[in-house]
């Protein structure tokens, strides 16, 4: 007996879970590629995808050609619902997630499925806003991670008395230094500049007869 994979469940259960698109809204559901289905109608397409184990549903009005994910539709209409992607690790979890997404689509996107898009501009704006927030947060986390790494390397160079290396590392994050780090960076810079020049044996010191 063959054990069904998540992909097998996706192929078998999407037509069952999303059959209401054909029965109620005159969509035609068909396989897209190995990991997607597309339900087509004159006014819109609905895409159901298996994306790295997560079930992703999007609605694309024919008039605009710009898709909005179901997660943003749900978030805009009912902010109290925390819509996070779920990653089904097994066939049973995959089946539950497919039917959960189908239920959310029927509940929160019924107007779009009927061809009513009067609020669609608002949903597009909500999606852009959330994606921009995610982008800024991602950039912030990347910056924080870089600052921590540079600080650790600079502190290590300071402890080794590698003043040139420490000065360069602190300079690379100058705008984010604390007052103590600024003082340390300036000290390292001065130590790097004021390197003693070896004196040739027997050479008189300037200013001494």
Protein backbone atom coordinates (compact mmCIF):
# COMPACT_ATOMS: atom_id res chain seq x y z
CA UNK A 1 0.00 0.00 0.00
CA UNK A 2 1.40 3.35 -1.07
CA UNK A 3 1.73 5.97 1.66
CA UNK A 4 0.35 9.29 0.41
CA UNK A 5 2.66 12.27 0.47
CA UNK A 6 1.64 15.88 1.07
CA UNK A 7 1.73 16.41 -2.70
CA UNK A 8 -0.56 13.39 -3.23
CA UNK A 9 -3.02 14.84 -0.73
CA UNK A 10 -2.83 18.21 -2.45
CA UNK A 11 -3.69 16.64 -5.82
CA UNK A 12 -6.53 14.57 -4.36
CA UNK A 13 -8.16 16.97 -1.92
CA UNK A 14 -8.04 20.39 -3.60
CA UNK A 15 -10.76 19.39 -6.14
CA UNK A 16 -12.94 18.21 -3.23
CA UNK A 17 -12.37 21.16 -0.92
CA UNK A 18 -12.76 23.81 -3.63
CA UNK A 19 -15.60 22.16 -5.52
CA UNK A 20 -17.91 24.96 -4.31
CA UNK A 21 -16.18 27.31 -6.76
CA UNK A 22 -17.70 25.33 -9.63
CA UNK A 23 -20.97 24.52 -7.91
CA UNK A 24 -21.82 28.02 -6.61
CA UNK A 25 -19.77 30.50 -8.61
CA UNK A 26 -19.31 28.98 -12.09
CA UNK A 27 -15.56 28.66 -11.94
CA UNK A 28 -13.76 25.89 -13.80
CA UNK A 29 -11.11 24.22 -11.64
CA UNK A 30 -8.15 22.61 -13.33
CA UNK A 31 -4.58 21.59 -12.56
CA UNK A 32 -2.00 24.30 -13.22
CA UNK A 33 1.37 22.63 -12.70
CA UNK A 34 2.62 19.97 -10.33
CA UNK A 35 1.96 22.14 -7.27
CA UNK A 36 -0.98 24.36 -8.23
CA UNK A 37 -4.63 24.46 -9.28
CA UNK A 38 -6.37 27.34 -11.04
CA UNK A 39 -10.09 28.04 -10.91
CA UNK A 40 -11.04 30.26 -13.85
CA UNK A 41 -14.12 32.39 -14.43
CA UNK A 42 -14.85 35.37 -16.65
CA UNK A 43 -14.44 37.83 -13.79
CA UNK A 44 -11.50 36.31 -11.86
CA UNK A 45 -9.05 33.48 -11.32
CA UNK A 46 -8.45 31.72 -8.00
CA UNK A 47 -5.06 30.07 -7.58
CA UNK A 48 -4.40 27.35 -5.00
CA UNK A 49 -0.70 26.58 -4.59
CA UNK A 50 1.49 24.30 -2.53
CA UNK A 51 4.35 26.65 -1.70
CA UNK A 52 7.13 25.00 0.33
CA UNK A 53 4.54 22.96 2.19
CA UNK A 54 2.19 25.87 2.82
CA UNK A 55 -1.19 26.16 1.09
CA UNK A 56 -1.45 29.60 -0.53
CA UNK A 57 -4.69 30.90 -2.08
CA UNK A 58 -4.84 34.04 -4.24
CA UNK A 59 -7.62 35.87 -6.11
CA UNK A 60 -6.84 37.75 -9.32
CA UNK A 61 -9.61 39.92 -10.81
CA UNK A 62 -9.71 39.84 -14.60
CA UNK A 63 -10.12 43.63 -14.67
CA UNK A 64 -6.80 44.35 -12.93
CA UNK A 65 -4.73 41.20 -13.31
CA UNK A 66 -3.24 41.91 -9.85
CA UNK A 67 -3.62 39.08 -7.31
CA UNK A 68 -4.36 39.51 -3.63
CA UNK A 69 -3.65 36.65 -1.27
CA UNK A 70 -6.47 35.27 0.81
CA UNK A 71 -4.45 35.93 3.98
CA UNK A 72 -4.61 39.69 3.29
CA UNK A 73 -8.31 39.54 2.44
CA UNK A 74 -8.99 37.88 5.78
CA UNK A 75 -6.72 40.28 7.65
CA UNK A 76 -8.36 43.34 6.12
CA UNK A 77 -11.91 42.18 6.83
CA UNK A 78 -11.36 40.78 10.31
CA UNK A 79 -8.12 41.94 11.97
CA UNK A 80 -8.92 39.81 15.04
CA UNK A 81 -8.10 36.68 13.02
CA UNK A 82 -4.39 35.96 13.11
CA UNK A 83 -3.80 34.46 9.69
CA UNK A 84 -0.42 32.77 9.68
CA UNK A 85 0.82 30.27 7.10
CA UNK A 86 0.66 26.71 8.27
CA UNK A 87 3.11 24.13 7.07
CA UNK A 88 1.54 20.67 6.87
CA UNK A 89 4.23 18.12 7.67
CA UNK A 90 2.07 15.11 6.94
CA UNK A 91 -0.92 14.03 4.81
CA UNK A 92 -3.50 14.49 7.59
CA UNK A 93 -2.30 18.01 8.39
CA UNK A 94 -2.22 18.85 4.68
CA UNK A 95 -5.83 17.76 4.22
CA UNK A 96 -6.99 19.82 7.22
CA UNK A 97 -5.16 22.89 5.91
CA UNK A 98 -6.64 22.56 2.41
CA UNK A 99 -10.17 22.47 3.79
CA UNK A 100 -9.42 25.32 6.22
CA UNK A 101 -8.29 27.52 3.34
CA UNK A 102 -11.36 26.59 1.29
CA UNK A 103 -13.61 27.54 4.21
CA UNK A 104 -11.85 30.90 4.65
CA UNK A 105 -12.19 31.61 0.93
CA UNK A 106 -15.92 30.89 1.01
CA UNK A 107 -16.45 33.01 4.14
CA UNK A 108 -14.29 36.06 3.44
CA UNK A 109 -14.13 36.33 -0.35
CA UNK A 110 -17.70 35.55 -1.35
CA UNK A 111 -18.21 39.02 -2.83
CA UNK A 112 -15.14 38.68 -5.07
CA UNK A 113 -16.17 35.17 -6.07
CA UNK A 114 -19.50 36.61 -7.21
CA UNK A 115 -17.71 39.27 -9.25
CA UNK A 116 -18.19 42.13 -6.79
CA UNK A 117 -14.93 44.13 -6.54
CA UNK A 118 -16.02 47.51 -5.17
CA UNK A 119 -13.70 47.11 -2.15
CA UNK A 120 -10.85 45.53 -4.07
CA UNK A 121 -8.71 48.68 -4.21
CA UNK A 122 -8.78 48.78 -0.42
CA UNK A 123 -7.68 45.14 -0.24
CA UNK A 124 -4.82 45.80 -2.65
CA UNK A 125 -3.74 48.78 -0.54
CA UNK A 126 -3.88 46.65 2.61
CA UNK A 127 -1.70 43.99 1.00
CA UNK A 128 0.86 46.59 -0.11
CA UNK A 129 0.93 48.14 3.36
CA UNK A 130 1.48 44.82 5.13
CA UNK A 131 4.14 43.72 2.66
CA UNK A 132 5.94 47.05 3.13
CA UNK A 133 5.81 46.58 6.91
CA UNK A 134 7.25 43.10 6.51
CA UNK A 135 10.00 44.48 4.25
CA UNK A 136 10.96 47.17 6.77
CA UNK A 137 10.91 44.68 9.62
CA UNK A 138 13.10 42.28 7.63
CA UNK A 139 15.58 45.06 6.90
CA UNK A 140 15.60 46.04 10.58
CA UNK A 141 16.34 42.47 11.66
CA UNK A 142 19.14 42.15 9.10
CA UNK A 143 20.65 45.44 10.29
CA UNK A 144 20.45 44.37 13.94
CA UNK A 145 22.14 41.07 13.13
CA UNK A 146 24.94 42.87 11.27
CA UNK A 147 25.44 45.34 14.14
CA UNK A 148 25.76 42.50 16.64
CA UNK A 149 28.29 40.72 14.46
CA UNK A 150 30.41 43.85 13.85
CA UNK A 151 30.29 44.78 17.54
CA UNK A 152 31.51 41.33 18.57
CA UNK A 153 34.35 41.49 16.05
CA UNK A 154 35.29 45.03 17.13
CA UNK A 155 35.30 44.08 20.82
CA UNK A 156 37.45 41.06 20.03
CA UNK A 157 39.92 43.27 18.11
CA UNK A 158 39.94 45.74 21.02
CA UNK A 159 40.75 43.00 23.51
CA UNK A 160 43.59 41.79 21.27
CA UNK A 161 44.80 45.42 21.04
CA UNK A 162 44.40 45.24 17.28
CA UNK A 163 43.58 48.94 17.16
CA UNK A 164 43.58 49.34 13.37
CA UNK A 165 41.07 46.53 12.91
CA UNK A 166 38.89 47.78 15.77
CA UNK A 167 38.91 51.33 14.40
CA UNK A 168 37.81 50.15 10.97
CA UNK A 169 35.04 47.95 12.39
CA UNK A 170 33.68 50.70 14.63
CA UNK A 171 33.85 53.17 11.73
CA UNK A 172 31.69 50.86 9.60
CA UNK A 173 28.81 51.25 12.11
CA UNK A 174 29.60 54.82 13.18
CA UNK A 175 25.97 55.99 13.09
CA UNK A 176 24.90 53.30 15.58
CA UNK A 177 27.74 53.56 18.10
CA UNK A 178 27.14 54.32 21.76
CA UNK A 179 29.07 57.14 23.41
CA UNK A 180 31.45 54.63 24.94
CA UNK A 181 32.03 52.97 21.57
CA UNK A 182 32.65 56.36 19.93
CA UNK A 183 35.33 57.10 22.52
CA UNK A 184 36.86 53.67 22.00
CA UNK A 185 36.81 54.10 18.21
CA UNK A 186 38.52 57.50 18.52
CA UNK A 187 41.16 56.04 20.82
CA UNK A 188 41.82 53.21 18.33
CA UNK A 189 42.05 55.74 15.51
CA UNK A 190 44.63 57.81 17.37
CA UNK A 191 46.66 54.74 18.28
CA UNK A 192 46.63 53.73 14.63
CA UNK A 193 47.88 57.16 13.50
CA UNK A 194 50.44 57.65 16.25
CA UNK A 195 52.57 54.65 15.49
CA UNK A 196 56.12 55.00 16.80
CA UNK A 197 58.71 55.31 14.04
CA UNK A 198 61.84 53.27 14.76
CA UNK A 199 64.97 55.48 15.19
CA UNK A 200 68.20 54.53 13.52
CA UNK A 201 70.91 53.64 16.02
CA UNK A 202 73.13 56.63 16.71
CA UNK A 203 70.76 59.11 15.06
CA UNK A 204 70.39 62.22 17.28
CA UNK A 205 66.95 63.06 18.54
CA UNK A 206 65.66 66.28 17.01
CA UNK A 207 66.00 69.22 19.37
CA UNK A 208 68.84 67.67 21.40
CA UNK A 209 72.41 68.82 20.72
